[in-house]
Structure formats: structure tokens, C-alpha cells
Amino acid sequence: QVYLVESGGGLVQPGGSLRLSCVVSGETIPTYTFDWYRQAPGKEREFVARDWASGRRPDYADSVKDRFIASREVSKSTLYLQMYNLKPDDTGLYYCTRPTGNYWGQGTQVTVAS
């Protein structure tokens, strides 16, 4: 069984930064692609970023491109989503997921407000 546990969310002012973490257990991460999604209140879940297993550069939603950076630290079996210049529209519950097998974490809340 694969488990994904996100952390690092919180309340931040517009223009601020946060780094989300996702610890993966039950499987090694180098051979898998992982995604980040988010869901704002009353809205559908949306794609944020994809961190490829192949080492190819991550892909990002247009809304976060040039502000978010997805990465991984294999030795810690941890994925990261570094978020800069946060905006109120970035508010939501952020999930990491492994598409192969459709594994999801429980999410971590990010709130951007002044």
C-alpha cells in the first residue's frame, strides 16, 4: 500500500511564499510521476503541477507557471511544491497524487488572505 502525506499549508498574505511537502511511503519514488492538485471551496479539483519520473522538466498549470516549482528529494522520499507570490486565487486544499494506481494524500490547506 502506498501512502502520501502532505504538510506545509497555512495562512499567508498575498505575495507570500509557502513550501508544501508530500512524504511517500510504501514505495520508492524515483520511478513514478507525481502530480499536485488543488481544490478551492465550491470549485472542482484542478491540476497544478506534474513532477515526471523521467527527470523531464515539470509541467505546470498556466495559473501557477513561473510562481510554483515542483521537485523531489529521493533520499527523503519526499515531494515538494514551492509556491511564490501567492494570490488569493491560490487558496484551496492541495493534494499530491500518484497517477499510477490513483493514490492520493489527505491534502493540506493553503489560505492566501490579508
C-alpha atoms as a PDB file:
ATOM      1  CA  GLN A   1       0.000   0.000   0.000  1.00  0.00           C
ATOM      2  CA  VAL A   2       1.213   3.475  -0.885  1.00  0.00           C
ATOM      3  CA  TYR A   3       0.633   6.400   1.455  1.00  0.00           C
ATOM      4  CA  LEU A   4       1.048  10.079   0.674  1.00  0.00           C
ATOM      5  CA  VAL A   5       1.008  12.641   3.474  1.00  0.00           C
ATOM      6  CA  GLU A   6       1.030  16.345   2.683  1.00  0.00           C
ATOM      7  CA  SER A   7       2.079  19.130   5.028  1.00  0.00           C
ATOM      8  CA  GLY A   8       3.226  22.726   4.972  1.00  0.00           C
ATOM      9  CA  GLY A   9      -0.013  24.505   4.301  1.00  0.00           C
ATOM     10  CA  GLY A  10      -1.165  27.514   6.258  1.00  0.00           C
ATOM     11  CA  LEU A  11      -2.330  31.094   6.147  1.00  0.00           C
ATOM     12  CA  VAL A  12      -0.176  33.501   4.169  1.00  0.00           C
ATOM     13  CA  GLN A  13      -0.589  37.042   2.932  1.00  0.00           C
ATOM     14  CA  PRO A  14      -0.780  37.809  -0.789  1.00  0.00           C
ATOM     15  CA  GLY A  15       2.701  37.919  -2.220  1.00  0.00           C
ATOM     16  CA  GLY A  16       3.986  35.459   0.337  1.00  0.00           C
ATOM     17  CA  SER A  17       5.519  32.013  -0.074  1.00  0.00           C
ATOM     18  CA  LEU A  18       4.935  28.500   1.189  1.00  0.00           C
ATOM     19  CA  ARG A  19       6.547  25.156   0.608  1.00  0.00           C
ATOM     20  CA  LEU A  20       4.358  22.085   0.644  1.00  0.00           C
ATOM     21  CA  SER A  21       5.789  18.652   1.309  1.00  0.00           C
ATOM     22  CA  CYS A  22       4.438  15.217   0.477  1.00  0.00           C
ATOM     23  CA  VAL A  23       6.049  12.220   2.127  1.00  0.00           C
ATOM     24  CA  VAL A  24       5.564   8.985   0.192  1.00  0.00           C
ATOM     25  CA  SER A  25       5.730   5.661   1.966  1.00  0.00           C
ATOM     26  CA  GLY A  26       5.236   2.115   0.790  1.00  0.00           C
ATOM     27  CA  GLU A  27       7.011   2.684  -2.488  1.00  0.00           C
ATOM     28  CA  THR A  28      10.149   4.299  -3.796  1.00  0.00           C
ATOM     29  CA  ILE A  29       9.543   7.483  -5.678  1.00  0.00           C
ATOM     30  CA  PRO A  30      12.204   7.600  -8.415  1.00  0.00           C
ATOM     31  CA  THR A  31      10.266   5.511 -10.885  1.00  0.00           C
ATOM     32  CA  TYR A  32       6.945   7.281 -10.572  1.00  0.00           C
ATOM     33  CA  THR A  33       5.433  10.501 -11.788  1.00  0.00           C
ATOM     34  CA  PHE A  34       3.573  12.537  -9.180  1.00  0.00           C
ATOM     35  CA  ASP A  35       1.045  15.319  -9.551  1.00  0.00           C
ATOM     36  CA  TRP A  36      -0.161  18.169  -7.405  1.00  0.00           C
ATOM     37  CA  TYR A  37      -3.821  19.172  -7.483  1.00  0.00           C
ATOM     38  CA  ARG A  38      -5.854  21.700  -5.563  1.00  0.00           C
ATOM     39  CA  GLN A  39      -9.493  22.304  -4.827  1.00  0.00           C
ATOM     40  CA  ALA A  40     -10.961  25.632  -3.846  1.00  0.00           C
ATOM     41  CA  PRO A  41     -14.267  25.847  -1.979  1.00  0.00           C
ATOM     42  CA  GLY A  42     -17.170  25.352  -4.361  1.00  0.00           C
ATOM     43  CA  LYS A  43     -14.898  24.550  -7.281  1.00  0.00           C
ATOM     44  CA  GLU A  44     -13.721  21.418  -8.990  1.00  0.00           C
ATOM     45  CA  ARG A  45     -10.356  19.930  -8.265  1.00  0.00           C
ATOM     46  CA  GLU A  46      -7.753  21.272 -10.680  1.00  0.00           C
ATOM     47  CA  PHE A  47      -4.313  20.241 -11.847  1.00  0.00           C
ATOM     48  CA  VAL A  48      -1.410  22.298 -10.518  1.00  0.00           C
ATOM     49  CA  ALA A  49       1.845  20.570 -11.439  1.00  0.00           C
ATOM     50  CA  ARG A  50       3.378  17.310 -12.611  1.00  0.00           C
ATOM     51  CA  ASP A  51       6.785  16.092 -11.493  1.00  0.00           C
ATOM     52  CA  TRP A  52       7.925  13.480 -14.004  1.00  0.00           C
ATOM     53  CA  ALA A  53       9.737  10.317 -13.035  1.00  0.00           C
ATOM     54  CA  SER A  54      11.948  10.615 -16.087  1.00  0.00           C
ATOM     55  CA  GLY A  55      13.611  13.810 -14.921  1.00  0.00           C
ATOM     56  CA  ARG A  56      11.876  15.814 -17.609  1.00  0.00           C
ATOM     57  CA  ARG A  57      11.081  19.350 -16.516  1.00  0.00           C
ATOM     58  CA  PRO A  58       7.876  19.608 -14.515  1.00  0.00           C
ATOM     59  CA  ASP A  59       4.680  20.777 -16.148  1.00  0.00           C
ATOM     60  CA  TYR A  60       2.505  23.455 -14.595  1.00  0.00           C
ATOM     61  CA  ALA A  61      -0.953  24.880 -14.942  1.00  0.00           C
ATOM     62  CA  ASP A  62      -0.855  28.251 -16.638  1.00  0.00           C
ATOM     63  CA  SER A  63      -2.197  29.892 -13.496  1.00  0.00           C
ATOM     64  CA  VAL A  64       0.880  28.898 -11.458  1.00  0.00           C
ATOM     65  CA  LYS A  65       3.594  28.853 -14.092  1.00  0.00           C
ATOM     66  CA  ASP A  66       6.638  30.940 -13.096  1.00  0.00           C
ATOM     67  CA  ARG A  67       5.433  31.034  -9.472  1.00  0.00           C
ATOM     68  CA  PHE A  68       5.423  27.382  -8.378  1.00  0.00           C
ATOM     69  CA  ILE A  69       8.237  24.847  -8.503  1.00  0.00           C
ATOM     70  CA  ALA A  70       7.719  21.095  -8.165  1.00  0.00           C
ATOM     71  CA  SER A  71      10.641  18.948  -7.074  1.00  0.00           C
ATOM     72  CA  ARG A  72      11.521  15.781  -5.207  1.00  0.00           C
ATOM     73  CA  GLU A  73      14.163  14.630  -2.755  1.00  0.00           C
ATOM     74  CA  VAL A  74      14.594  10.920  -3.349  1.00  0.00           C
ATOM     75  CA  SER A  75      16.664  10.256  -0.223  1.00  0.00           C
ATOM     76  CA  LYS A  76      13.766  11.534   1.892  1.00  0.00           C
ATOM     77  CA  SER A  77      11.049  10.032  -0.303  1.00  0.00           C
ATOM     78  CA  THR A  78       9.503  13.485  -0.338  1.00  0.00           C
ATOM     79  CA  LEU A  79       7.937  15.678  -2.979  1.00  0.00           C
ATOM     80  CA  TYR A  80       7.874  19.451  -2.714  1.00  0.00           C
ATOM     81  CA  LEU A  81       5.793  22.247  -4.144  1.00  0.00           C
ATOM     82  CA  GLN A  82       7.474  25.586  -3.595  1.00  0.00           C
ATOM     83  CA  MET A  83       4.990  28.413  -4.060  1.00  0.00           C
ATOM     84  CA  TYR A  84       5.975  32.043  -4.526  1.00  0.00           C
ATOM     85  CA  ASN A  85       3.993  35.249  -4.985  1.00  0.00           C
ATOM     86  CA  LEU A  86       0.847  33.626  -3.702  1.00  0.00           C
ATOM     87  CA  LYS A  87      -2.501  35.082  -4.661  1.00  0.00           C
ATOM     88  CA  PRO A  88      -5.950  34.763  -3.087  1.00  0.00           C
ATOM     89  CA  ASP A  89      -6.953  32.548  -6.037  1.00  0.00           C
ATOM     90  CA  ASP A  90      -4.325  30.051  -4.893  1.00  0.00           C
ATOM     91  CA  THR A  91      -6.421  29.303  -1.817  1.00  0.00           C
ATOM     92  CA  GLY A  92      -7.506  25.693  -1.607  1.00  0.00           C
ATOM     93  CA  LEU A  93      -6.820  22.207  -0.379  1.00  0.00           C
ATOM     94  CA  TYR A  94      -3.640  20.926  -2.017  1.00  0.00           C
ATOM     95  CA  TYR A  95      -3.132  17.254  -2.764  1.00  0.00           C
ATOM     96  CA  CYS A  96      -0.248  15.194  -4.011  1.00  0.00           C
ATOM     97  CA  THR A  97      -1.134  12.157  -6.031  1.00  0.00           C
ATOM     98  CA  ARG A  98       0.473   9.259  -7.821  1.00  0.00           C
ATOM     99  CA  PRO A  99      -1.487   8.748 -11.021  1.00  0.00           C
ATOM    100  CA  THR A 100      -0.317   5.149 -11.375  1.00  0.00           C
ATOM    101  CA  GLY A 101      -2.620   3.373  -9.015  1.00  0.00           C
ATOM    102  CA  ASN A 102      -4.585   6.566  -8.311  1.00  0.00           C
ATOM    103  CA  TYR A 103      -3.108   7.207  -4.869  1.00  0.00           C
ATOM    104  CA  TRP A 104      -3.981  10.470  -3.118  1.00  0.00           C
ATOM    105  CA  GLY A 105      -2.986  12.162   0.089  1.00  0.00           C
ATOM    106  CA  GLN A 106      -5.420  13.773   2.500  1.00  0.00           C
ATOM    107  CA  GLY A 107      -4.494  17.301   1.441  1.00  0.00           C
ATOM    108  CA  THR A 108      -3.088  20.360   3.156  1.00  0.00           C
ATOM    109  CA  GLN A 109      -4.943  23.668   3.325  1.00  0.00           C
ATOM    110  CA  VAL A 110      -3.458  26.811   1.835  1.00  0.00           C
ATOM    111  CA  THR A 111      -5.193  30.104   2.534  1.00  0.00           C
ATOM    112  CA  VAL A 112      -3.988  33.324   0.967  1.00  0.00           C
ATOM    113  CA  ALA A 113      -5.562  36.362   2.597  1.00  0.00           C
ATOM    114  CA  SER A 114      -4.572  39.711   4.036  1.00  0.00           C
END
